C-alpha atoms as a PDB file:
ATOM      1  CA  MET A   1    -141.341  58.808 -28.286  1.00  0.00           C
ATOM      2  CA  ALA A   2    -138.400  60.319 -30.173  1.00  0.00           C
ATOM      3  CA  LEU A   3    -136.173  59.798 -27.124  1.00  0.00           C
ATOM      4  CA  LEU A   4    -137.200  56.123 -26.936  1.00  0.00           C
ATOM      5  CA  LEU A   5    -136.442  55.637 -30.632  1.00  0.00           C
ATOM      6  CA  LEU A   6    -133.066  57.316 -30.156  1.00  0.00           C
ATOM      7  CA  ALA A   7    -132.271  54.989 -27.232  1.00  0.00           C
ATOM      8  CA  ILE A   8    -133.227  51.922 -29.282  1.00  0.00           C
ATOM      9  CA  GLN A   9    -131.228  53.147 -32.270  1.00  0.00           C
ATOM     10  CA  THR A  10    -128.226  53.778 -30.007  1.00  0.00           C
ATOM     11  CA  MET A  11    -128.361  50.199 -28.666  1.00  0.00           C
ATOM     12  CA  VAL A  12    -128.409  48.772 -32.183  1.00  0.00           C
ATOM     13  CA  MET A  13    -126.188  51.264 -34.012  1.00  0.00           C
ATOM     14  CA  ALA A  14    -123.554  51.994 -31.336  1.00  0.00           C
ATOM     15  CA  PRO A  15    -122.811  48.572 -29.868  1.00  0.00           C
ATOM     16  CA  ASP A  16    -119.521  49.455 -28.162  1.00  0.00           C
ATOM     17  CA  VAL A  17    -121.041  52.029 -25.821  1.00  0.00           C
ATOM     18  CA  SER A  18    -121.094  50.424 -22.409  1.00  0.00           C
ATOM     19  CA  GLY A  19    -120.791  51.155 -18.742  1.00  0.00           C
ATOM     20  CA  PRO A  20    -117.681  50.671 -16.653  1.00  0.00           C
ATOM     21  CA  ALA A  21    -116.027  47.265 -16.832  1.00  0.00           C
ATOM     22  CA  PRO A  22    -117.025  44.896 -14.032  1.00  0.00           C
ATOM     23  CA  VAL A  23    -114.485  43.920 -11.425  1.00  0.00           C
ATOM     24  CA  CYS A  24    -113.668  40.295 -12.133  1.00  0.00           C
ATOM     25  CA  ARG A  25    -113.011  38.076  -9.121  1.00  0.00           C
ATOM     26  CA  HIS A  26    -109.507  36.622  -9.052  1.00  0.00           C
ATOM     27  CA  GLN A  27    -109.209  32.886  -9.569  1.00  0.00           C
ATOM     28  CA  ASP A  28    -105.841  31.155  -9.858  1.00  0.00           C
ATOM     29  CA  GLY A  29    -104.955  30.539 -13.474  1.00  0.00           C
ATOM     30  CA  MET A  30    -107.817  32.685 -14.790  1.00  0.00           C
ATOM     31  CA  ILE A  31    -107.690  36.072 -16.529  1.00  0.00           C
ATOM     32  CA  ASP A  32    -108.367  38.924 -14.078  1.00  0.00           C
ATOM     33  CA  ARG A  33    -110.166  41.179 -16.508  1.00  0.00           C
ATOM     34  CA  PRO A  34    -113.301  40.897 -18.620  1.00  0.00           C
ATOM     35  CA  VAL A  35    -112.839  38.482 -21.526  1.00  0.00           C
ATOM     36  CA  VAL A  36    -115.942  39.949 -23.197  1.00  0.00           C
ATOM     37  CA  PRO A  37    -115.237  43.669 -22.699  1.00  0.00           C
ATOM     38  CA  THR A  38    -117.288  45.079 -25.593  1.00  0.00           C
ATOM     39  CA  ALA A  39    -120.612  44.561 -27.269  1.00  0.00           C
ATOM     40  CA  GLU A  40    -118.741  43.697 -30.468  1.00  0.00           C
ATOM     41  CA  VAL A  41    -117.084  40.705 -28.767  1.00  0.00           C
ATOM     42  CA  ALA A  42    -120.508  39.649 -27.412  1.00  0.00           C
ATOM     43  CA  ARG A  43    -121.915  39.942 -30.961  1.00  0.00           C
ATOM     44  CA  SER A  44    -119.177  37.622 -32.254  1.00  0.00           C
ATOM     45  CA  ILE A  45    -119.873  35.024 -29.558  1.00  0.00           C
ATOM     46  CA  PHE A  46    -123.603  35.204 -30.294  1.00  0.00           C
ATOM     47  CA  ALA A  47    -122.962  34.741 -34.030  1.00  0.00           C
ATOM     48  CA  ALA A  48    -120.726  31.713 -33.450  1.00  0.00           C
ATOM     49  CA  VAL A  49    -123.283  30.006 -31.207  1.00  0.00           C
ATOM     50  CA  ALA A  50    -126.328  30.928 -33.337  1.00  0.00           C
ATOM     51  CA  LYS A  51    -124.824  29.880 -36.685  1.00  0.00           C
ATOM     52  CA  PRO A  52    -125.478  26.127 -36.374  1.00  0.00           C
ATOM     53  CA  LEU A  53    -128.920  26.755 -34.846  1.00  0.00           C
ATOM     54  CA  GLN A  54    -130.492  28.828 -37.627  1.00  0.00           C
ATOM     55  CA  SER A  55    -130.063  29.510 -41.308  1.00  0.00           C
ATOM     56  CA  GLU A  56    -128.600  32.784 -42.571  1.00  0.00           C
ATOM     57  CA  GLN A  57    -132.021  33.573 -44.032  1.00  0.00           C
ATOM     58  CA  THR A  58    -133.711  33.145 -40.646  1.00  0.00           C
ATOM     59  CA  ALA A  59    -131.024  35.159 -38.829  1.00  0.00           C
ATOM     60  CA  GLY A  60    -131.263  37.911 -41.451  1.00  0.00           C
ATOM     61  CA  GLY A  61    -134.931  38.472 -40.603  1.00  0.00           C
ATOM     62  CA  TYR A  62    -134.103  39.696 -37.091  1.00  0.00           C
ATOM     63  CA  VAL A  63    -132.636  42.835 -35.589  1.00  0.00           C
ATOM     64  CA  LEU A  64    -129.844  41.978 -33.143  1.00  0.00           C
ATOM     65  CA  THR A  65    -129.831  44.000 -29.936  1.00  0.00           C
ATOM     66  CA  ILE A  66    -127.083  44.022 -27.336  1.00  0.00           C
ATOM     67  CA  ALA A  67    -127.783  45.515 -23.919  1.00  0.00           C
ATOM     68  CA  ASP A  68    -125.229  46.161 -21.185  1.00  0.00           C
ATOM     69  CA  GLU A  69    -126.507  44.628 -17.931  1.00  0.00           C
ATOM     70  CA  GLY A  70    -123.439  45.417 -15.853  1.00  0.00           C
ATOM     71  CA  ALA A  71    -121.730  42.058 -15.311  1.00  0.00           C
ATOM     72  CA  ALA A  72    -123.221  40.527 -18.477  1.00  0.00           C
ATOM     73  CA  TRP A  73    -124.381  41.341 -21.990  1.00  0.00           C
ATOM     74  CA  ALA A  74    -127.981  40.542 -22.942  1.00  0.00           C
ATOM     75  CA  VAL A  75    -127.987  39.663 -26.642  1.00  0.00           C
ATOM     76  CA  PHE A  76    -131.245  38.970 -28.437  1.00  0.00           C
ATOM     77  CA  GLN A  77    -132.923  38.851 -31.806  1.00  0.00           C
ATOM     78  CA  ALA A  78    -136.261  40.550 -32.395  1.00  0.00           C
ATOM     79  CA  LEU A  79    -138.403  41.083 -35.437  1.00  0.00           C
ATOM     80  CA  PRO A  80    -138.040  44.573 -36.909  1.00  0.00           C
ATOM     81  CA  ASP A  81    -140.757  47.104 -36.100  1.00  0.00           C
ATOM     82  CA  ARG A  82    -143.383  47.478 -38.787  1.00  0.00           C
ATOM     83  CA  PRO A  83    -145.355  50.733 -38.630  1.00  0.00           C
ATOM     84  CA  GLY A  84    -149.014  50.152 -37.914  1.00  0.00           C
ATOM     85  CA  MET A  85    -148.512  46.463 -37.116  1.00  0.00           C
ATOM     86  CA  ILE A  86    -148.524  44.703 -33.755  1.00  0.00           C
ATOM     87  CA  THR A  87    -146.163  41.732 -33.701  1.00  0.00           C
ATOM     88  CA  MET A  88    -146.893  38.810 -31.397  1.00  0.00           C
ATOM     89  CA  GLY A  89    -144.500  35.886 -31.305  1.00  0.00           C
ATOM     90  CA  GLY A  90    -141.754  35.144 -33.751  1.00  0.00           C
ATOM     91  CA  GLY A  91    -138.947  36.048 -31.391  1.00  0.00           C
ATOM     92  CA  GLY A  92    -135.452  34.874 -32.074  1.00  0.00           C
ATOM     93  CA  LEU A  93    -132.614  33.551 -30.005  1.00  0.00           C
ATOM     94  CA  THR A  94    -131.590  35.265 -26.763  1.00  0.00           C
ATOM     95  CA  MET A  95    -128.705  34.728 -24.352  1.00  0.00           C
ATOM     96  CA  ARG A  96    -126.750  36.359 -21.545  1.00  0.00           C
ATOM     97  CA  ILE A  97    -122.956  36.436 -21.860  1.00  0.00           C
ATOM     98  CA  ASP A  98    -120.918  36.951 -18.694  1.00  0.00           C
ATOM     99  CA  LYS A  99    -118.329  39.709 -19.229  1.00  0.00           C
ATOM    100  CA  CYS A 100    -115.711  38.202 -16.893  1.00  0.00           C
ATOM    101  CA  THR A 101    -115.872  34.562 -17.965  1.00  0.00           C
ATOM    102  CA  GLY A 102    -117.601  34.533 -21.356  1.00  0.00           C
ATOM    103  CA  ALA A 103    -120.063  31.964 -19.980  1.00  0.00           C
ATOM    104  CA  ILE A 104    -123.405  31.816 -21.798  1.00  0.00           C
ATOM    105  CA  SER A 105    -126.541  31.448 -19.720  1.00  0.00           C
ATOM    106  CA  GLU A 106    -130.306  31.791 -20.104  1.00  0.00           C
ATOM    107  CA  MET A 107    -130.122  30.850 -23.795  1.00  0.00           C
ATOM    108  CA  HIS A 108    -133.551  30.277 -25.322  1.00  0.00           C
ATOM    109  CA  TYR A 109    -135.870  31.277 -28.121  1.00  0.00           C
ATOM    110  CA  GLN A 110    -138.207  34.146 -27.280  1.00  0.00           C
ATOM    111  CA  ARG A 111    -141.919  33.633 -27.702  1.00  0.00           C
END
């Protein structure tokens, strides 16, 4: 249990820890390296997209988690854990951000 809590805390508290950068396919006129190289850049993109979709009060009620999925960042909001309580529903916004292109996909509200 302590190891799981440490892993979760590491994802939230140390957002720039990630695996090796993906190899971005060359396309004429495009940048040949990841345009979203760190979790901090992914956090900024998430914030810019989420801002017009939810109030600061709503956003402040969630814990933002950023997970490295290799070629993309999974960024999602979840309600904070409450000891002794089981939370069902109330999930926030989630999206995948491609590291090479910055493209956002699979954006939706969690159930």
